[in-house]
């Protein structure tokens, strides 16, 4: 009888760590861009245009700023999830489903490296 693996090997964990670090780098770059656009660093100078146009511009700018703020908040949460995944790698608990206690398939972790639940656990949770 073959014994079921209870955790990923150190080599596998290193592979996931590299993947997560790359995703974290990209996520931080995206977050920096989003925050930069919120701080008006990319203002296109509509101050000298007509009053009516400015009023329309202000309305769409408000909506756009709210959307960007939501994206920035979502990105920040994603970054925190990736950082938590790195901690789990250091603790050698990465890839273990927090519901079933079984290993999450590698394919899922490659697609969603910050996952803490297997698909089966996630599906039963959503019912």
Protein backbone atom coordinates (compact mmCIF):
# COMPACT_ATOMS: atom_id res chain seq x y z
CA UNK A 1 0.00 0.00 0.00
CA UNK A 2 1.32 3.41 -0.92
CA UNK A 3 1.20 6.06 1.74
CA UNK A 4 -0.46 9.36 0.74
CA UNK A 5 1.82 12.40 0.77
CA UNK A 6 1.10 14.78 3.63
CA UNK A 7 3.20 17.70 2.37
CA UNK A 8 5.19 18.86 -0.63
CA UNK A 9 8.92 18.17 -0.76
CA UNK A 10 11.42 20.96 -0.18
CA UNK A 11 12.20 20.94 -3.92
CA UNK A 12 8.51 21.36 -4.77
CA UNK A 13 8.16 24.12 -2.17
CA UNK A 14 11.13 25.95 -3.72
CA UNK A 15 9.45 25.74 -7.12
CA UNK A 16 6.24 27.25 -5.70
CA UNK A 17 8.23 29.89 -3.83
CA UNK A 18 9.80 31.10 -7.08
CA UNK A 19 6.39 31.18 -8.77
CA UNK A 20 4.87 33.17 -5.90
CA UNK A 21 7.79 35.60 -5.73
CA UNK A 22 7.37 36.33 -9.46
CA UNK A 23 3.60 36.86 -9.03
CA UNK A 24 4.29 39.06 -6.00
CA UNK A 25 6.72 41.21 -7.99
CA UNK A 26 4.14 41.68 -10.77
CA UNK A 27 1.35 42.35 -8.25
CA UNK A 28 3.43 45.01 -6.49
CA UNK A 29 4.20 46.71 -9.82
CA UNK A 30 0.48 46.73 -10.70
CA UNK A 31 -0.40 48.07 -7.25
CA UNK A 32 2.16 50.88 -7.59
CA UNK A 33 0.63 51.88 -10.95
CA UNK A 34 -2.89 51.88 -9.49
CA UNK A 35 -1.90 53.97 -6.49
CA UNK A 36 0.03 56.33 -8.77
CA UNK A 37 -3.04 56.91 -10.91
CA UNK A 38 -5.07 57.70 -7.78
CA UNK A 39 -2.65 60.40 -6.71
CA UNK A 40 -3.14 62.40 -9.94
CA UNK A 41 0.40 61.86 -11.12
CA UNK A 42 -1.00 61.26 -14.57
CA UNK A 43 -3.29 64.31 -14.73
CA UNK A 44 -3.98 65.24 -18.33
CA UNK A 45 -4.47 68.94 -17.68
CA UNK A 46 -8.15 69.61 -18.44
CA UNK A 47 -8.12 72.73 -16.26
CA UNK A 48 -8.22 75.12 -19.22
CA UNK A 49 -11.11 73.46 -21.08
CA UNK A 50 -14.72 74.63 -21.06
CA UNK A 51 -16.81 74.56 -17.88
CA UNK A 52 -19.36 72.05 -19.21
CA UNK A 53 -16.65 69.67 -20.30
CA UNK A 54 -14.97 69.97 -16.89
CA UNK A 55 -18.23 69.05 -15.11
CA UNK A 56 -18.63 65.96 -17.28
CA UNK A 57 -14.97 65.13 -16.84
CA UNK A 58 -15.23 65.45 -13.04
CA UNK A 59 -18.17 63.02 -12.92
CA UNK A 60 -16.46 60.36 -14.99
CA UNK A 61 -13.22 60.95 -13.12
CA UNK A 62 -14.97 60.28 -9.80
CA UNK A 63 -16.37 57.00 -11.09
CA UNK A 64 -13.04 56.05 -12.56
CA UNK A 65 -11.21 56.91 -9.33
CA UNK A 66 -13.64 54.74 -7.36
CA UNK A 67 -13.04 51.83 -9.72
CA UNK A 68 -9.29 52.29 -9.49
CA UNK A 69 -9.51 52.47 -5.69
CA UNK A 70 -11.44 49.18 -5.67
CA UNK A 71 -8.87 47.60 -7.96
CA UNK A 72 -6.06 48.84 -5.72
CA UNK A 73 -7.79 47.39 -2.63
CA UNK A 74 -8.27 44.05 -4.41
CA UNK A 75 -4.64 44.07 -5.51
CA UNK A 76 -3.49 44.81 -1.97
CA UNK A 77 -5.50 41.83 -0.70
CA UNK A 78 -3.95 39.63 -3.42
CA UNK A 79 -0.46 40.75 -2.34
CA UNK A 80 -1.26 39.87 1.28
CA UNK A 81 -2.50 36.43 0.19
CA UNK A 82 0.72 35.81 -1.73
CA UNK A 83 2.80 36.91 1.26
CA UNK A 84 0.81 34.55 3.49
CA UNK A 85 1.53 31.75 1.01
CA UNK A 86 5.28 32.47 1.36
CA UNK A 87 4.92 32.13 5.14
CA UNK A 88 3.19 28.77 4.67
CA UNK A 89 6.10 27.67 2.46
CA UNK A 90 8.56 28.60 5.20
CA UNK A 91 6.41 26.67 7.72
CA UNK A 92 6.20 23.75 5.27
CA UNK A 93 2.40 23.84 5.44
CA UNK A 94 1.95 25.24 1.93
CA UNK A 95 -0.48 23.39 -0.32
CA UNK A 96 -2.35 21.63 2.46
CA UNK A 97 -6.12 22.19 2.30
CA UNK A 98 -7.29 23.93 5.47
CA UNK A 99 -10.59 22.02 5.34
CA UNK A 100 -9.67 18.47 4.35
CA UNK A 101 -6.02 18.42 5.44
CA UNK A 102 -5.08 16.81 2.11
CA UNK A 103 -2.65 18.18 -0.45
CA UNK A 104 -4.10 20.62 -2.96
CA UNK A 105 -3.28 19.43 -6.52
CA UNK A 106 -0.21 21.09 -8.04
CA UNK A 107 -2.22 22.16 -11.10
CA UNK A 108 -4.52 24.24 -8.88
CA UNK A 109 -1.61 25.79 -7.01
CA UNK A 110 0.11 26.74 -10.25
CA UNK A 111 -3.05 28.60 -11.32
CA UNK A 112 -3.94 29.98 -7.87
CA UNK A 113 -0.70 29.89 -5.86
CA UNK A 114 -2.30 31.49 -2.79
CA UNK A 115 -5.07 28.85 -2.57
CA UNK A 116 -5.72 27.44 0.88
CA UNK A 117 -8.52 25.06 -0.10
CA UNK A 118 -8.89 22.25 -2.59
CA UNK A 119 -11.58 22.49 -5.27
CA UNK A 120 -13.70 19.86 -3.50
CA UNK A 121 -13.56 21.78 -0.21
CA UNK A 122 -14.35 25.04 -2.00
CA UNK A 123 -17.34 23.47 -3.78
CA UNK A 124 -18.81 22.08 -0.56
CA UNK A 125 -18.35 25.48 1.09
CA UNK A 126 -20.33 27.23 -1.68
CA UNK A 127 -23.39 25.02 -1.30
